Protein backbone atom coordinates (compact mmCIF):
# COMPACT_ATOMS: atom_id res chain seq x y z
CA MET A 1 89.84 137.22 142.64
CA SER A 2 92.90 137.04 144.82
CA LYS A 3 96.44 136.64 143.56
CA ASP A 4 96.63 133.14 145.09
CA ASN A 5 93.51 132.06 143.16
CA LYS A 6 94.92 133.46 139.91
CA THR A 7 98.19 131.63 140.48
CA LYS A 8 96.30 128.42 141.26
CA ASP A 9 94.17 128.82 138.12
CA TRP A 10 97.28 129.40 136.03
CA ASP A 11 99.04 126.40 137.58
CA GLU A 12 96.04 124.16 136.89
CA LEU A 13 95.77 125.42 133.31
CA TRP A 14 99.50 124.90 132.71
CA SER A 15 99.30 121.42 134.23
CA GLU A 16 96.41 120.49 131.93
CA TYR A 17 98.34 121.86 128.95
CA THR A 18 101.48 119.88 129.76
CA GLN A 19 99.43 116.72 130.28
CA LEU A 20 97.90 117.20 126.84
CA LEU A 21 101.36 117.72 125.33
CA LYS A 22 102.48 114.44 126.90
CA LYS A 23 99.37 112.72 125.53
CA TRP A 24 100.06 114.20 122.08
CA SER A 25 103.66 113.00 122.26
CA GLN A 26 102.54 109.49 123.20
CA ASN A 27 100.05 109.47 120.34
CA LEU A 28 102.73 110.65 117.93
CA ASP A 29 105.03 107.85 119.12
CA SER A 30 102.19 105.38 118.63
CA LEU A 31 101.52 106.71 115.14
CA GLN A 32 105.19 106.45 114.21
CA LYS A 33 105.31 102.86 115.49
CA THR A 34 102.18 102.00 113.51
CA VAL A 35 103.64 103.57 110.37
CA ALA A 36 106.74 101.41 110.78
CA GLU A 37 104.57 98.32 111.25
CA VAL A 38 102.53 99.16 108.17
CA GLN A 39 105.70 99.63 106.12
CA GLU A 40 107.09 96.33 107.37
CA LYS A 41 103.86 94.51 106.50
CA TYR A 42 103.78 96.23 103.10
CA ASN A 43 107.29 94.96 102.40
CA GLU A 44 106.24 91.46 103.44
CA VAL A 45 103.14 91.56 101.24
CA MET A 46 105.12 92.90 98.29
CA SER A 47 107.75 90.16 98.63
CA LYS A 48 105.08 87.51 98.62
CA ALA A 49 103.18 89.17 95.78
CA ILE A 50 106.32 89.44 93.64
CA SER A 51 107.01 85.76 93.98
CA GLU A 52 103.41 84.59 93.51
CA SER A 53 101.53 87.15 91.39
CA SER A 54 101.35 88.35 87.83
CA GLN A 55 102.71 91.70 86.72
CA LYS A 56 99.15 93.00 86.20
CA THR A 57 98.08 92.05 89.73
CA MET A 58 101.20 93.68 91.14
CA LYS A 59 100.53 96.91 89.27
CA GLU A 60 96.90 97.04 90.45
CA PHE A 61 97.92 96.33 94.03
CA GLN A 62 100.56 99.05 94.03
CA GLU A 63 98.20 101.61 92.49
CA ASN A 64 95.47 100.81 95.02
CA TRP A 65 97.97 100.95 97.88
CA GLN A 66 99.28 104.37 96.84
CA LYS A 67 95.79 105.72 96.32
CA THR A 68 94.59 104.49 99.70
CA MET A 69 97.63 105.77 101.57
CA THR A 70 97.44 109.16 99.86
CA ASN A 71 93.75 109.53 100.63
CA ALA A 72 94.20 108.45 104.24
CA GLY A 73 97.15 110.78 104.80
CA THR A 74 95.51 113.73 103.06
CA ALA A 75 92.31 113.33 105.05
CA ALA A 76 94.19 113.12 108.36
CA PHE A 77 96.30 116.21 107.68
CA LYS A 78 93.32 118.13 106.34
CA GLN A 79 91.31 117.34 109.47
CA PHE A 80 94.24 118.31 111.69
CA GLY A 81 94.61 121.62 109.85
CA GLU A 82 90.91 122.38 110.08
CA ASN A 83 90.83 121.55 113.79
CA TRP A 84 93.91 123.68 114.40
CA GLN A 85 92.41 126.65 112.55
CA LYS A 86 89.14 126.25 114.44
CA SER A 87 90.90 126.19 117.79
CA ILE A 88 92.93 129.29 116.88
CA SER A 89 89.84 131.17 115.75
CA ASP A 90 87.81 130.38 118.88
CA SER A 91 87.18 133.61 120.77
CA GLY A 92 89.53 132.97 123.69
CA LEU A 93 92.43 132.04 121.45
CA ASP A 94 92.03 135.11 119.26
CA GLN A 95 93.09 137.15 122.25
CA LEU A 96 96.01 134.81 122.89
CA LYS A 97 97.06 135.06 119.25
CA THR A 98 96.86 138.87 119.41
CA TYR A 99 98.91 138.84 122.61
CA GLY A 100 101.52 136.61 120.96
CA GLU A 101 101.76 138.94 117.96
CA MET A 102 102.13 141.92 120.30
CA MET A 103 104.92 140.16 122.21
CA ASN A 104 106.72 139.36 118.95
CA LYS A 105 106.60 143.04 117.98
CA PHE A 106 107.87 143.97 121.43
CA ALA A 107 110.77 141.50 121.08
CA GLU A 108 111.65 142.90 117.65
CA THR A 109 111.62 146.45 118.99
CA TRP A 110 113.69 145.43 122.01
CA GLN A 111 116.32 143.81 119.80
CA LYS A 112 116.53 146.88 117.58
CA MET A 113 116.93 149.17 120.59
CA TRP A 114 119.57 147.10 122.35
CA ARG A 115 121.47 145.64 119.41
CA PRO A 116 125.22 146.21 119.87
CA LYS A 117 126.62 148.83 117.53
């Protein structure tokens, strides 16, 4: 494979990576907006419930809300963590991880060698 082909492959790979980062960022923004909307609606519901519901109904609602939000958040983060671990452990990324560790050791050694005295 020629040097031009390797450069082209790298450029395409980097472009795909940066596009995915942009997509991730957009999704994060969307998630943050949705969280704000959910919080706003929760506040609206709670205001209405306080003025129109019994103490028992309010307590049940709040407990169910907390339970649902905890379960939803836990499941999402657990899935993200599992997916991240899976992607790191895939064969191609093991080499990348090893390379990253090697570069960190190199950087540490370099700093020790060239640290001003």
